[in-house]
Amino acid sequence: MTPEQSKKLKVGTRVCFNGIQADGGKVMATNANYVTIKWDDGHESHSGHSGMQRVELAKQ
């Protein structure tokens, strides 16, 4: 996603990595500079909005 899309994410939004629905996670926090995602495998990542190119919204 683009930085503009990333900045609009809300806590609780489901996302996935590289379009792979099985590689999903949930937005845990967001602010003006970064997004925190807790991935289903237990890993937690903190990414700047410009570093979210490989993250997509999960299909519902």
PDB file of N, CA and C in Angstrom:
ATOM      1  N   MET A   1       0.836  -1.174   0.000  1.00  0.00           N
ATOM      2  CA  MET A   1       0.000   0.000   0.000  1.00  0.00           C
ATOM      3  C   MET A   1       0.880   1.236   0.000  1.00  0.00           C
ATOM      4  N   THR A   2       0.303   2.340  -0.368  1.00  0.00           N
ATOM      5  CA  THR A   2       1.026   3.608  -0.413  1.00  0.00           C
ATOM      6  C   THR A   2       1.097   4.211   0.986  1.00  0.00           C
ATOM      7  N   PRO A   3       2.011   5.168   1.205  1.00  0.00           N
ATOM      8  CA  PRO A   3       2.040   5.848   2.500  1.00  0.00           C
ATOM      9  C   PRO A   3       0.700   6.500   2.839  1.00  0.00           C
ATOM     10  N   GLU A   4       0.019   7.035   1.848  1.00  0.00           N
ATOM     11  CA  GLU A   4      -1.274   7.678   2.099  1.00  0.00           C
ATOM     12  C   GLU A   4      -2.299   6.657   2.589  1.00  0.00           C
ATOM     13  N   GLN A   5      -2.313   5.469   1.990  1.00  0.00           N
ATOM     14  CA  GLN A   5      -3.226   4.409   2.431  1.00  0.00           C
ATOM     15  C   GLN A   5      -2.858   3.937   3.832  1.00  0.00           C
ATOM     16  N   SER A   6      -1.573   3.802   4.094  1.00  0.00           N
ATOM     17  CA  SER A   6      -1.101   3.350   5.397  1.00  0.00           C
ATOM     18  C   SER A   6      -1.531   4.310   6.505  1.00  0.00           C
ATOM     19  N   LYS A   7      -1.469   5.590   6.237  1.00  0.00           N
ATOM     20  CA  LYS A   7      -1.845   6.587   7.249  1.00  0.00           C
ATOM     21  C   LYS A   7      -3.326   6.533   7.600  1.00  0.00           C
ATOM     22  N   LYS A   8      -4.148   5.918   6.745  1.00  0.00           N
ATOM     23  CA  LYS A   8      -5.590   5.817   6.990  1.00  0.00           C
ATOM     24  C   LYS A   8      -5.980   4.530   7.716  1.00  0.00           C
ATOM     25  N   LEU A   9      -5.011   3.641   7.978  1.00  0.00           N
ATOM     26  CA  LEU A   9      -5.326   2.389   8.663  1.00  0.00           C
ATOM     27  C   LEU A   9      -5.847   2.658  10.067  1.00  0.00           C
ATOM     28  N   LYS A  10      -6.757   1.821  10.505  1.00  0.00           N
ATOM     29  CA  LYS A  10      -7.338   1.911  11.844  1.00  0.00           C
ATOM     30  C   LYS A  10      -6.923   0.687  12.652  1.00  0.00           C
ATOM     31  N   VAL A  11      -6.838   0.858  13.964  1.00  0.00           N
ATOM     32  CA  VAL A  11      -6.543  -0.259  14.855  1.00  0.00           C
ATOM     33  C   VAL A  11      -7.600  -1.340  14.638  1.00  0.00           C
ATOM     34  N   GLY A  12      -7.154  -2.572  14.525  1.00  0.00           N
ATOM     35  CA  GLY A  12      -8.052  -3.701  14.311  1.00  0.00           C
ATOM     36  C   GLY A  12      -8.189  -4.124  12.864  1.00  0.00           C
ATOM     37  N   THR A  13      -7.687  -3.312  11.931  1.00  0.00           N
ATOM     38  CA  THR A  13      -7.769  -3.651  10.511  1.00  0.00           C
ATOM     39  C   THR A  13      -6.915  -4.878  10.219  1.00  0.00           C
ATOM     40  N   ARG A  14      -7.468  -5.831   9.461  1.00  0.00           N
ATOM     41  CA  ARG A  14      -6.723  -7.014   9.052  1.00  0.00           C
ATOM     42  C   ARG A  14      -5.931  -6.696   7.792  1.00  0.00           C
ATOM     43  N   VAL A  15      -4.666  -7.106   7.790  1.00  0.00           N
ATOM     44  CA  VAL A  15      -3.779  -6.901   6.654  1.00  0.00           C
ATOM     45  C   VAL A  15      -3.085  -8.219   6.330  1.00  0.00           C
ATOM     46  N   CYS A  16      -2.430  -8.260   5.171  1.00  0.00           N
ATOM     47  CA  CYS A  16      -1.641  -9.430   4.807  1.00  0.00           C
ATOM     48  C   CYS A  16      -0.357  -8.959   4.128  1.00  0.00           C
ATOM     49  N   PHE A  17       0.613  -9.866   4.053  1.00  0.00           N
ATOM     50  CA  PHE A  17       1.923  -9.559   3.494  1.00  0.00           C
ATOM     51  C   PHE A  17       2.018 -10.138   2.095  1.00  0.00           C
ATOM     52  N   ASN A  18       2.422  -9.310   1.142  1.00  0.00           N
ATOM     53  CA  ASN A  18       2.612  -9.745  -0.254  1.00  0.00           C
ATOM     54  C   ASN A  18       1.353 -10.342  -0.872  1.00  0.00           C
ATOM     55  N   GLY A  19       0.184  -9.958  -0.386  1.00  0.00           N
ATOM     56  CA  GLY A  19      -1.061 -10.467  -0.948  1.00  0.00           C
ATOM     57  C   GLY A  19      -1.401 -11.889  -0.545  1.00  0.00           C
ATOM     58  N   ILE A  20      -0.628 -12.461   0.358  1.00  0.00           N
ATOM     59  CA  ILE A  20      -0.858 -13.838   0.807  1.00  0.00           C
ATOM     60  C   ILE A  20      -1.787 -13.797   2.020  1.00  0.00           C
ATOM     61  N   GLN A  21      -3.037 -14.187   1.820  1.00  0.00           N
ATOM     62  CA  GLN A  21      -4.039 -14.088   2.881  1.00  0.00           C
ATOM     63  C   GLN A  21      -3.660 -14.904   4.113  1.00  0.00           C
ATOM     64  N   ALA A  22      -2.957 -16.015   3.928  1.00  0.00           N
ATOM     65  CA  ALA A  22      -2.546 -16.853   5.054  1.00  0.00           C
ATOM     66  C   ALA A  22      -1.435 -16.206   5.873  1.00  0.00           C
ATOM     67  N   ASP A  23      -0.793 -15.184   5.334  1.00  0.00           N
ATOM     68  CA  ASP A  23       0.286 -14.467   6.026  1.00  0.00           C
ATOM     69  C   ASP A  23      -0.296 -13.151   6.531  1.00  0.00           C
ATOM     70  N   GLY A  24      -1.238 -13.258   7.474  1.00  0.00           N
ATOM     71  CA  GLY A  24      -1.996 -12.093   7.904  1.00  0.00           C
ATOM     72  C   GLY A  24      -1.615 -11.581   9.272  1.00  0.00           C
ATOM     73  N   GLY A  25      -2.188 -10.433   9.578  1.00  0.00           N
ATOM     74  CA  GLY A  25      -1.991  -9.817  10.871  1.00  0.00           C
ATOM     75  C   GLY A  25      -3.026  -8.741  11.104  1.00  0.00           C
ATOM     76  N   LYS A  26      -2.905  -8.092  12.257  1.00  0.00           N
ATOM     77  CA  LYS A  26      -3.862  -7.068  12.643  1.00  0.00           C
ATOM     78  C   LYS A  26      -3.113  -5.808  13.065  1.00  0.00           C
ATOM     79  N   VAL A  27      -3.606  -4.652  12.636  1.00  0.00           N
ATOM     80  CA  VAL A  27      -3.029  -3.370  13.037  1.00  0.00           C
ATOM     81  C   VAL A  27      -3.309  -3.176  14.527  1.00  0.00           C
ATOM     82  N   MET A  28      -2.254  -2.983  15.298  1.00  0.00           N
ATOM     83  CA  MET A  28      -2.385  -2.809  16.743  1.00  0.00           C
ATOM     84  C   MET A  28      -2.266  -1.353  17.165  1.00  0.00           C
ATOM     85  N   ALA A  29      -1.527  -0.559  16.383  1.00  0.00           N
ATOM     86  CA  ALA A  29      -1.344   0.860  16.703  1.00  0.00           C
ATOM     87  C   ALA A  29      -0.928   1.593  15.442  1.00  0.00           C
ATOM     88  N   THR A  30      -1.242   2.860  15.401  1.00  0.00           N
ATOM     89  CA  THR A  30      -0.826   3.697  14.283  1.00  0.00           C
ATOM     90  C   THR A  30      -0.708   5.128  14.777  1.00  0.00           C
ATOM     91  N   ASN A  31       0.224   5.861  14.193  1.00  0.00           N
ATOM     92  CA  ASN A  31       0.332   7.289  14.484  1.00  0.00           C
ATOM     93  C   ASN A  31       0.836   7.982  13.224  1.00  0.00           C
ATOM     94  N   ALA A  32       1.253   9.210  13.345  1.00  0.00           N
ATOM     95  CA  ALA A  32       1.661   9.984  12.174  1.00  0.00           C
ATOM     96  C   ALA A  32       2.888   9.400  11.471  1.00  0.00           C
ATOM     97  N   ASN A  33       3.681   8.588  12.183  1.00  0.00           N
ATOM     98  CA  ASN A  33       4.942   8.114  11.621  1.00  0.00           C
ATOM     99  C   ASN A  33       5.016   6.625  11.311  1.00  0.00           C
ATOM    100  N   TYR A  34       4.256   5.794  12.017  1.00  0.00           N
ATOM    101  CA  TYR A  34       4.428   4.355  11.849  1.00  0.00           C
ATOM    102  C   TYR A  34       3.143   3.587  12.131  1.00  0.00           C
ATOM    103  N   VAL A  35       3.188   2.290  11.788  1.00  0.00           N
ATOM    104  CA  VAL A  35       2.105   1.343  12.050  1.00  0.00           C
ATOM    105  C   VAL A  35       2.712   0.141  12.770  1.00  0.00           C
ATOM    106  N   THR A  36       2.041  -0.343  13.794  1.00  0.00           N
ATOM    107  CA  THR A  36       2.440  -1.573  14.468  1.00  0.00           C
ATOM    108  C   THR A  36       1.464  -2.667  14.067  1.00  0.00           C
ATOM    109  N   ILE A  37       2.010  -3.781  13.571  1.00  0.00           N
ATOM    110  CA  ILE A  37       1.195  -4.919  13.152  1.00  0.00           C
ATOM    111  C   ILE A  37       1.605  -6.133  13.969  1.00  0.00           C
ATOM    112  N   LYS A  38       0.614  -6.818  14.535  1.00  0.00           N
ATOM    113  CA  LYS A  38       0.860  -8.108  15.189  1.00  0.00           C
ATOM    114  C   LYS A  38       0.436  -9.178  14.198  1.00  0.00           C
ATOM    115  N   TRP A  39       1.417  -9.933  13.713  1.00  0.00           N
ATOM    116  CA  TRP A  39       1.175 -10.965  12.716  1.00  0.00           C
ATOM    117  C   TRP A  39       0.654 -12.220  13.393  1.00  0.00           C
ATOM    118  N   ASP A  40      -0.115 -12.994  12.655  1.00  0.00           N
ATOM    119  CA  ASP A  40      -0.733 -14.203  13.196  1.00  0.00           C
ATOM    120  C   ASP A  40       0.294 -15.219  13.690  1.00  0.00           C
ATOM    121  N   ASP A  41       1.529 -15.148  13.196  1.00  0.00           N
ATOM    122  CA  ASP A  41       2.575 -16.068  13.652  1.00  0.00           C
ATOM    123  C   ASP A  41       3.221 -15.614  14.960  1.00  0.00           C
ATOM    124  N   GLY A  42       2.717 -14.498  15.543  1.00  0.00           N
ATOM    125  CA  GLY A  42       3.227 -14.000  16.818  1.00  0.00           C
ATOM    126  C   GLY A  42       4.233 -12.876  16.692  1.00  0.00           C
ATOM    127  N   HIS A  43       4.778 -12.671  15.512  1.00  0.00           N
ATOM    128  CA  HIS A  43       5.754 -11.607  15.270  1.00  0.00           C
ATOM    129  C   HIS A  43       5.053 -10.249  15.299  1.00  0.00           C
ATOM    130  N   GLU A  44       5.739  -9.243  15.809  1.00  0.00           N
ATOM    131  CA  GLU A  44       5.200  -7.881  15.791  1.00  0.00           C
ATOM    132  C   GLU A  44       6.167  -7.000  15.010  1.00  0.00           C
ATOM    133  N   SER A  45       5.623  -6.176  14.118  1.00  0.00           N
ATOM    134  CA  SER A  45       6.480  -5.293  13.325  1.00  0.00           C
ATOM    135  C   SER A  45       6.036  -3.851  13.490  1.00  0.00           C
ATOM    136  N   HIS A  46       7.012  -2.962  13.405  1.00  0.00           N
ATOM    137  CA  HIS A  46       6.785  -1.520  13.452  1.00  0.00           C
ATOM    138  C   HIS A  46       7.346  -0.972  12.145  1.00  0.00           C
ATOM    139  N   SER A  47       6.483  -0.450  11.304  1.00  0.00           N
ATOM    140  CA  SER A  47       6.914   0.024   9.990  1.00  0.00           C
ATOM    141  C   SER A  47       6.505   1.464   9.782  1.00  0.00           C
ATOM    142  N   GLY A  48       7.415   2.239   9.200  1.00  0.00           N
ATOM    143  CA  GLY A  48       7.065   3.587   8.788  1.00  0.00           C
ATOM    144  C   GLY A  48       6.062   3.519   7.650  1.00  0.00           C
ATOM    145  N   HIS A  49       5.264   4.553   7.502  1.00  0.00           N
ATOM    146  CA  HIS A  49       4.239   4.546   6.453  1.00  0.00           C
ATOM    147  C   HIS A  49       4.848   4.344   5.064  1.00  0.00           C
ATOM    148  N   SER A  50       6.062   4.817   4.849  1.00  0.00           N
ATOM    149  CA  SER A  50       6.694   4.649   3.534  1.00  0.00           C
ATOM    150  C   SER A  50       7.258   3.243   3.341  1.00  0.00           C
ATOM    151  N   GLY A  51       7.257   2.410   4.382  1.00  0.00           N
ATOM    152  CA  GLY A  51       7.782   1.057   4.289  1.00  0.00           C
ATOM    153  C   GLY A  51       6.709  -0.011   4.208  1.00  0.00           C
ATOM    154  N   MET A  52       5.515   0.366   3.805  1.00  0.00           N
ATOM    155  CA  MET A  52       4.382  -0.562   3.811  1.00  0.00           C
ATOM    156  C   MET A  52       4.024  -1.074   2.411  1.00  0.00           C
ATOM    157  N   GLN A  53       4.946  -0.976   1.445  1.00  0.00           N
ATOM    158  CA  GLN A  53       4.649  -1.344   0.061  1.00  0.00           C
ATOM    159  C   GLN A  53       4.201  -2.794  -0.085  1.00  0.00           C
ATOM    160  N   ARG A  54       4.685  -3.695   0.749  1.00  0.00           N
ATOM    161  CA  ARG A  54       4.366  -5.121   0.599  1.00  0.00           C
ATOM    162  C   ARG A  54       3.198  -5.559   1.485  1.00  0.00           C
ATOM    163  N   VAL A  55       2.573  -4.607   2.166  1.00  0.00           N
ATOM    164  CA  VAL A  55       1.424  -4.904   3.021  1.00  0.00           C
ATOM    165  C   VAL A  55       0.152  -4.493   2.287  1.00  0.00           C
ATOM    166  N   GLU A  56      -0.857  -5.347   2.351  1.00  0.00           N
ATOM    167  CA  GLU A  56      -2.138  -5.079   1.695  1.00  0.00           C
ATOM    168  C   GLU A  56      -3.269  -5.316   2.682  1.00  0.00           C
ATOM    169  N   LEU A  57      -4.422  -4.725   2.405  1.00  0.00           N
ATOM    170  CA  LEU A  57      -5.609  -5.034   3.192  1.00  0.00           C
ATOM    171  C   LEU A  57      -5.994  -6.481   2.935  1.00  0.00           C
ATOM    172  N   ALA A  58      -6.350  -7.196   3.996  1.00  0.00           N
ATOM    173  CA  ALA A  58      -6.794  -8.581   3.842  1.00  0.00           C
ATOM    174  C   ALA A  58      -8.192  -8.600   3.242  1.00  0.00           C
ATOM    175  N   LYS A  59      -8.457  -9.608   2.451  1.00  0.00           N
ATOM    176  CA  LYS A  59      -9.806  -9.771   1.893  1.00  0.00           C
ATOM    177  C   LYS A  59     -10.733 -10.231   3.008  1.00  0.00           C
ATOM    178  N   GLN A  60     -11.929  -9.701   3.020  1.00  0.00           N
ATOM    179  CA  GLN A  60     -12.895 -10.041   4.076  1.00  0.00           C
ATOM    180  C   GLN A  60     -13.609 -11.317   3.777  1.00  0.00           C
TER     181      GLN A  60
END
